[in-house]
Amino acid sequence: MGLSDKTCVPCRGGIPPLTAQEIKPLAAQVDNWSVVDNHHVEKEFKFPDFKTALAFVNKVGAIAEEQGHHPDIFLAWGKAGIKIWTHKINGLTESDFILAAKIDKVA
């Protein structure tokens, strides 16, 4: 089962964030997401105009609501930046990569 076919699992805290070794195989399954300091993943998406970027952001918002996992989103003319991590543990979990894979499917 691919990451985009899985469902994000709510984090209640009390678990450690993924280690660098645990992150590597998950990062390999998402397209061009940057892992930053083993803390979060981020990616910038380019669009021909503001309207298209906004439509993308709205799709990402719908996925986030459906999954109960909410990224930081930056919207500007012709681009959208997405930053994902699990706030409860201040680091990465598998759910962060699941959300990234789902976002890639609507990009």
N, C-alpha and C. Protein backbone atom coordinates (compact mmCIF):
# COMPACT_ATOMS: atom_id res chain seq x y z
N MET A 1 0.85 -1.18 0.00
CA MET A 1 0.00 0.00 0.00
C MET A 1 0.90 1.24 0.00
N GLY A 2 0.65 2.14 -0.94
CA GLY A 2 1.42 3.37 -1.02
C GLY A 2 1.00 4.36 0.06
N LEU A 3 1.86 5.31 0.33
CA LEU A 3 1.56 6.30 1.38
C LEU A 3 0.27 7.05 1.11
N SER A 4 0.00 7.39 -0.15
CA SER A 4 -1.21 8.16 -0.45
C SER A 4 -2.49 7.36 -0.23
N ASP A 5 -2.37 6.04 -0.10
CA ASP A 5 -3.53 5.18 0.15
C ASP A 5 -3.81 4.99 1.64
N LYS A 6 -2.88 5.43 2.47
CA LYS A 6 -3.03 5.29 3.91
C LYS A 6 -3.79 6.49 4.48
N THR A 7 -4.13 6.41 5.75
CA THR A 7 -4.83 7.48 6.45
C THR A 7 -3.94 7.99 7.57
N CYS A 8 -3.92 9.30 7.73
CA CYS A 8 -3.16 9.90 8.83
C CYS A 8 -3.74 9.43 10.16
N VAL A 9 -2.83 9.18 11.10
CA VAL A 9 -3.23 8.75 12.44
C VAL A 9 -2.99 9.91 13.40
N PRO A 10 -4.02 10.34 14.10
CA PRO A 10 -3.83 11.45 15.04
C PRO A 10 -2.78 11.12 16.09
N CYS A 11 -1.89 12.06 16.34
CA CYS A 11 -0.86 11.87 17.35
C CYS A 11 -1.34 12.47 18.66
N ARG A 12 -1.27 11.69 19.69
CA ARG A 12 -1.70 12.15 21.00
C ARG A 12 -0.50 12.55 21.87
N GLY A 13 0.69 12.48 21.27
CA GLY A 13 1.90 12.80 22.02
C GLY A 13 2.44 11.56 22.71
N GLY A 14 3.53 11.73 23.42
CA GLY A 14 4.10 10.62 24.17
C GLY A 14 4.90 9.64 23.34
N ILE A 15 5.08 9.92 22.06
CA ILE A 15 5.93 9.08 21.23
C ILE A 15 7.07 9.94 20.70
N PRO A 16 8.20 9.32 20.44
CA PRO A 16 9.31 10.12 19.91
C PRO A 16 9.11 10.38 18.42
N PRO A 17 9.65 11.51 17.91
CA PRO A 17 9.61 11.74 16.48
C PRO A 17 10.48 10.70 15.77
N LEU A 18 10.26 10.55 14.48
CA LEU A 18 11.06 9.61 13.70
C LEU A 18 12.53 10.01 13.72
N THR A 19 13.39 9.02 13.69
CA THR A 19 14.83 9.26 13.60
C THR A 19 15.21 9.47 12.13
N ALA A 20 16.41 9.94 11.90
CA ALA A 20 16.89 10.14 10.53
C ALA A 20 16.82 8.83 9.74
N GLN A 21 17.15 7.73 10.37
CA GLN A 21 17.10 6.43 9.69
C GLN A 21 15.67 6.03 9.35
N GLU A 22 14.72 6.36 10.19
CA GLU A 22 13.32 6.03 9.93
C GLU A 22 12.72 6.96 8.87
N ILE A 23 13.25 8.16 8.79
CA ILE A 23 12.75 9.15 7.83
C ILE A 23 13.15 8.78 6.39
N LYS A 24 14.36 8.29 6.19
CA LYS A 24 14.89 8.05 4.85
C LYS A 24 13.96 7.25 3.94
N PRO A 25 13.47 6.07 4.36
CA PRO A 25 12.61 5.31 3.44
C PRO A 25 11.27 5.99 3.16
N LEU A 26 10.77 6.76 4.10
CA LEU A 26 9.52 7.49 3.88
C LEU A 26 9.74 8.66 2.92
N ALA A 27 10.84 9.39 3.12
CA ALA A 27 11.15 10.52 2.25
C ALA A 27 11.36 10.07 0.81
N ALA A 28 11.86 8.87 0.63
CA ALA A 28 12.08 8.33 -0.71
C ALA A 28 10.77 8.06 -1.44
N GLN A 29 9.67 8.01 -0.71
CA GLN A 29 8.37 7.70 -1.31
C GLN A 29 7.57 8.94 -1.69
N VAL A 30 8.08 10.13 -1.39
CA VAL A 30 7.39 11.37 -1.77
C VAL A 30 8.27 12.14 -2.74
N ASP A 31 7.63 12.86 -3.66
CA ASP A 31 8.33 13.48 -4.77
C ASP A 31 8.82 14.89 -4.44
N ASN A 32 10.14 15.03 -4.31
CA ASN A 32 10.80 16.34 -4.15
C ASN A 32 10.40 17.12 -2.90
N TRP A 33 10.04 16.43 -1.83
CA TRP A 33 9.82 17.10 -0.56
C TRP A 33 11.18 17.16 0.14
N SER A 34 11.49 18.30 0.71
CA SER A 34 12.75 18.46 1.44
C SER A 34 12.52 18.15 2.91
N VAL A 35 13.38 17.31 3.45
CA VAL A 35 13.37 17.06 4.89
C VAL A 35 14.32 18.08 5.52
N VAL A 36 13.82 18.88 6.43
CA VAL A 36 14.60 19.96 7.04
C VAL A 36 14.89 19.62 8.50
N ASP A 37 16.17 19.42 8.78
CA ASP A 37 16.64 19.14 10.15
C ASP A 37 15.92 17.97 10.81
N ASN A 38 15.46 17.01 10.02
CA ASN A 38 14.70 15.86 10.54
C ASN A 38 13.52 16.32 11.40
N HIS A 39 13.04 17.53 11.15
CA HIS A 39 11.96 18.13 11.93
C HIS A 39 10.68 18.28 11.14
N HIS A 40 10.81 18.68 9.86
CA HIS A 40 9.63 18.89 9.03
C HIS A 40 9.96 18.63 7.56
N VAL A 41 8.92 18.50 6.75
CA VAL A 41 9.09 18.39 5.31
C VAL A 41 8.43 19.60 4.67
N GLU A 42 9.01 20.06 3.56
CA GLU A 42 8.44 21.21 2.89
C GLU A 42 8.63 21.09 1.39
N LYS A 43 7.74 21.77 0.68
CA LYS A 43 7.80 21.76 -0.78
C LYS A 43 7.11 23.00 -1.31
N GLU A 44 7.65 23.54 -2.39
CA GLU A 44 7.00 24.67 -3.05
C GLU A 44 6.42 24.20 -4.38
N PHE A 45 5.19 24.57 -4.63
CA PHE A 45 4.49 24.22 -5.86
C PHE A 45 4.33 25.50 -6.68
N LYS A 46 4.59 25.40 -7.99
CA LYS A 46 4.49 26.56 -8.89
C LYS A 46 3.22 26.45 -9.74
N PHE A 47 2.60 27.60 -10.00
CA PHE A 47 1.37 27.68 -10.78
C PHE A 47 1.44 28.87 -11.73
N PRO A 48 0.61 28.88 -12.77
CA PRO A 48 0.68 29.96 -13.75
C PRO A 48 0.09 31.29 -13.26
N ASP A 49 -0.69 31.24 -12.17
CA ASP A 49 -1.33 32.46 -11.69
C ASP A 49 -1.84 32.26 -10.26
N PHE A 50 -2.36 33.32 -9.68
CA PHE A 50 -2.86 33.28 -8.31
C PHE A 50 -4.09 32.37 -8.18
N LYS A 51 -5.00 32.45 -9.12
CA LYS A 51 -6.25 31.68 -9.06
C LYS A 51 -5.96 30.17 -9.00
N THR A 52 -5.02 29.71 -9.79
CA THR A 52 -4.68 28.28 -9.81
C THR A 52 -4.00 27.87 -8.50
N ALA A 53 -3.13 28.74 -7.99
CA ALA A 53 -2.47 28.46 -6.71
C ALA A 53 -3.50 28.39 -5.59
N LEU A 54 -4.46 29.31 -5.60
CA LEU A 54 -5.51 29.32 -4.59
C LEU A 54 -6.38 28.06 -4.67
N ALA A 55 -6.70 27.62 -5.87
CA ALA A 55 -7.49 26.39 -6.03
C ALA A 55 -6.74 25.19 -5.44
N PHE A 56 -5.42 25.15 -5.66
CA PHE A 56 -4.60 24.09 -5.09
C PHE A 56 -4.63 24.15 -3.56
N VAL A 57 -4.45 25.35 -3.01
CA VAL A 57 -4.47 25.51 -1.55
C VAL A 57 -5.81 25.05 -0.98
N ASN A 58 -6.89 25.33 -1.66
CA ASN A 58 -8.20 24.88 -1.19
C ASN A 58 -8.31 23.36 -1.21
N LYS A 59 -7.72 22.72 -2.22
CA LYS A 59 -7.70 21.25 -2.26
C LYS A 59 -6.88 20.69 -1.10
N VAL A 60 -5.74 21.33 -0.84
CA VAL A 60 -4.90 20.90 0.28
C VAL A 60 -5.67 21.06 1.60
N GLY A 61 -6.40 22.16 1.73
CA GLY A 61 -7.21 22.37 2.93
C GLY A 61 -8.25 21.29 3.12
N ALA A 62 -8.88 20.87 2.04
CA ALA A 62 -9.89 19.81 2.13
C ALA A 62 -9.25 18.49 2.56
N ILE A 63 -8.07 18.19 2.02
CA ILE A 63 -7.36 16.96 2.42
C ILE A 63 -6.99 17.05 3.89
N ALA A 64 -6.49 18.19 4.31
CA ALA A 64 -6.08 18.37 5.71
C ALA A 64 -7.25 18.15 6.66
N GLU A 65 -8.40 18.70 6.31
CA GLU A 65 -9.59 18.51 7.14
C GLU A 65 -10.02 17.05 7.17
N GLU A 66 -10.00 16.41 6.01
CA GLU A 66 -10.39 15.00 5.91
C GLU A 66 -9.47 14.11 6.75
N GLN A 67 -8.17 14.43 6.74
CA GLN A 67 -7.18 13.62 7.44
C GLN A 67 -6.98 14.05 8.91
N GLY A 68 -7.50 15.21 9.27
CA GLY A 68 -7.28 15.70 10.64
C GLY A 68 -5.83 16.04 10.90
N HIS A 69 -5.13 16.44 9.84
CA HIS A 69 -3.69 16.74 9.95
C HIS A 69 -3.44 18.00 9.11
N HIS A 70 -3.00 19.06 9.75
CA HIS A 70 -3.02 20.38 9.12
C HIS A 70 -1.62 20.95 8.92
N PRO A 71 -1.23 21.18 7.66
CA PRO A 71 0.08 21.75 7.37
C PRO A 71 0.07 23.27 7.49
N ASP A 72 1.25 23.85 7.51
CA ASP A 72 1.39 25.29 7.32
C ASP A 72 1.36 25.52 5.82
N ILE A 73 0.60 26.52 5.39
CA ILE A 73 0.45 26.79 3.96
C ILE A 73 0.79 28.25 3.69
N PHE A 74 1.63 28.48 2.70
CA PHE A 74 1.98 29.81 2.25
C PHE A 74 1.45 29.98 0.84
N LEU A 75 0.68 31.02 0.60
CA LEU A 75 0.10 31.28 -0.70
C LEU A 75 0.59 32.62 -1.23
N ALA A 76 1.06 32.62 -2.46
CA ALA A 76 1.48 33.85 -3.13
C ALA A 76 1.13 33.72 -4.61
N TRP A 77 1.29 34.78 -5.35
CA TRP A 77 0.98 34.74 -6.77
C TRP A 77 1.86 33.68 -7.43
N GLY A 78 1.22 32.67 -8.02
CA GLY A 78 1.92 31.65 -8.79
C GLY A 78 2.65 30.60 -7.99
N LYS A 79 2.44 30.57 -6.68
CA LYS A 79 3.11 29.52 -5.90
C LYS A 79 2.39 29.27 -4.58
N ALA A 80 2.63 28.10 -4.06
CA ALA A 80 2.13 27.71 -2.74
C ALA A 80 3.22 26.89 -2.07
N GLY A 81 3.50 27.21 -0.83
CA GLY A 81 4.48 26.45 -0.05
C GLY A 81 3.75 25.67 1.03
N ILE A 82 4.16 24.43 1.20
CA ILE A 82 3.56 23.56 2.22
C ILE A 82 4.67 23.09 3.16
N LYS A 83 4.39 23.17 4.45
CA LYS A 83 5.33 22.71 5.48
C LYS A 83 4.54 21.81 6.43
N ILE A 84 5.07 20.60 6.64
CA ILE A 84 4.35 19.60 7.44
C ILE A 84 5.25 19.04 8.54
N TRP A 85 4.68 18.95 9.73
CA TRP A 85 5.28 18.20 10.83
C TRP A 85 4.19 17.94 11.84
N THR A 86 4.48 17.08 12.78
CA THR A 86 3.51 16.75 13.82
C THR A 86 3.79 17.65 15.01
N HIS A 87 2.93 18.63 15.20
CA HIS A 87 3.14 19.64 16.23
C HIS A 87 3.19 19.04 17.63
N LYS A 88 2.38 18.04 17.88
CA LYS A 88 2.26 17.44 19.21
C LYS A 88 3.60 16.92 19.73
N ILE A 89 4.45 16.42 18.81
CA ILE A 89 5.75 15.89 19.22
C ILE A 89 6.92 16.72 18.68
N ASN A 90 6.58 17.81 17.98
CA ASN A 90 7.58 18.71 17.41
C ASN A 90 8.59 17.96 16.54
N GLY A 91 8.06 17.12 15.66
CA GLY A 91 8.92 16.35 14.76
C GLY A 91 8.07 15.60 13.75
N LEU A 92 8.69 14.65 13.08
CA LEU A 92 8.02 13.92 12.00
C LEU A 92 7.48 12.56 12.44
N THR A 93 6.33 12.21 11.85
CA THR A 93 5.74 10.89 11.99
C THR A 93 5.40 10.39 10.59
N GLU A 94 5.00 9.14 10.48
CA GLU A 94 4.60 8.61 9.18
C GLU A 94 3.44 9.43 8.60
N SER A 95 2.55 9.91 9.43
CA SER A 95 1.40 10.70 8.96
C SER A 95 1.83 11.93 8.17
N ASP A 96 2.96 12.51 8.50
CA ASP A 96 3.44 13.68 7.77
C ASP A 96 3.75 13.31 6.31
N PHE A 97 4.31 12.14 6.12
CA PHE A 97 4.63 11.68 4.77
C PHE A 97 3.37 11.21 4.04
N ILE A 98 2.42 10.67 4.77
CA ILE A 98 1.12 10.31 4.17
C ILE A 98 0.45 11.57 3.63
N LEU A 99 0.43 12.63 4.43
CA LEU A 99 -0.17 13.88 3.98
C LEU A 99 0.56 14.45 2.77
N ALA A 100 1.88 14.41 2.79
CA ALA A 100 2.67 14.89 1.64
C ALA A 100 2.31 14.11 0.37
N ALA A 101 2.19 12.80 0.48
CA ALA A 101 1.85 11.98 -0.69
C ALA A 101 0.45 12.31 -1.20
N LYS A 102 -0.48 12.54 -0.30
CA LYS A 102 -1.84 12.90 -0.70
C LYS A 102 -1.85 14.27 -1.40
N ILE A 103 -1.06 15.20 -0.91
CA ILE A 103 -0.98 16.52 -1.53
C ILE A 103 -0.38 16.40 -2.94
N ASP A 104 0.63 15.58 -3.09
CA ASP A 104 1.22 15.38 -4.42
C ASP A 104 0.19 14.89 -5.43
N LYS A 105 -0.75 14.08 -4.97
CA LYS A 105 -1.76 13.54 -5.89
C LYS A 105 -2.68 14.63 -6.46
N VAL A 106 -2.87 15.73 -5.74
CA VAL A 106 -3.76 16.79 -6.24
C VAL A 106 -2.99 17.94 -6.90
N ALA A 107 -1.67 17.88 -6.84
CA ALA A 107 -0.84 18.96 -7.42
C ALA A 107 -0.90 18.97 -8.94
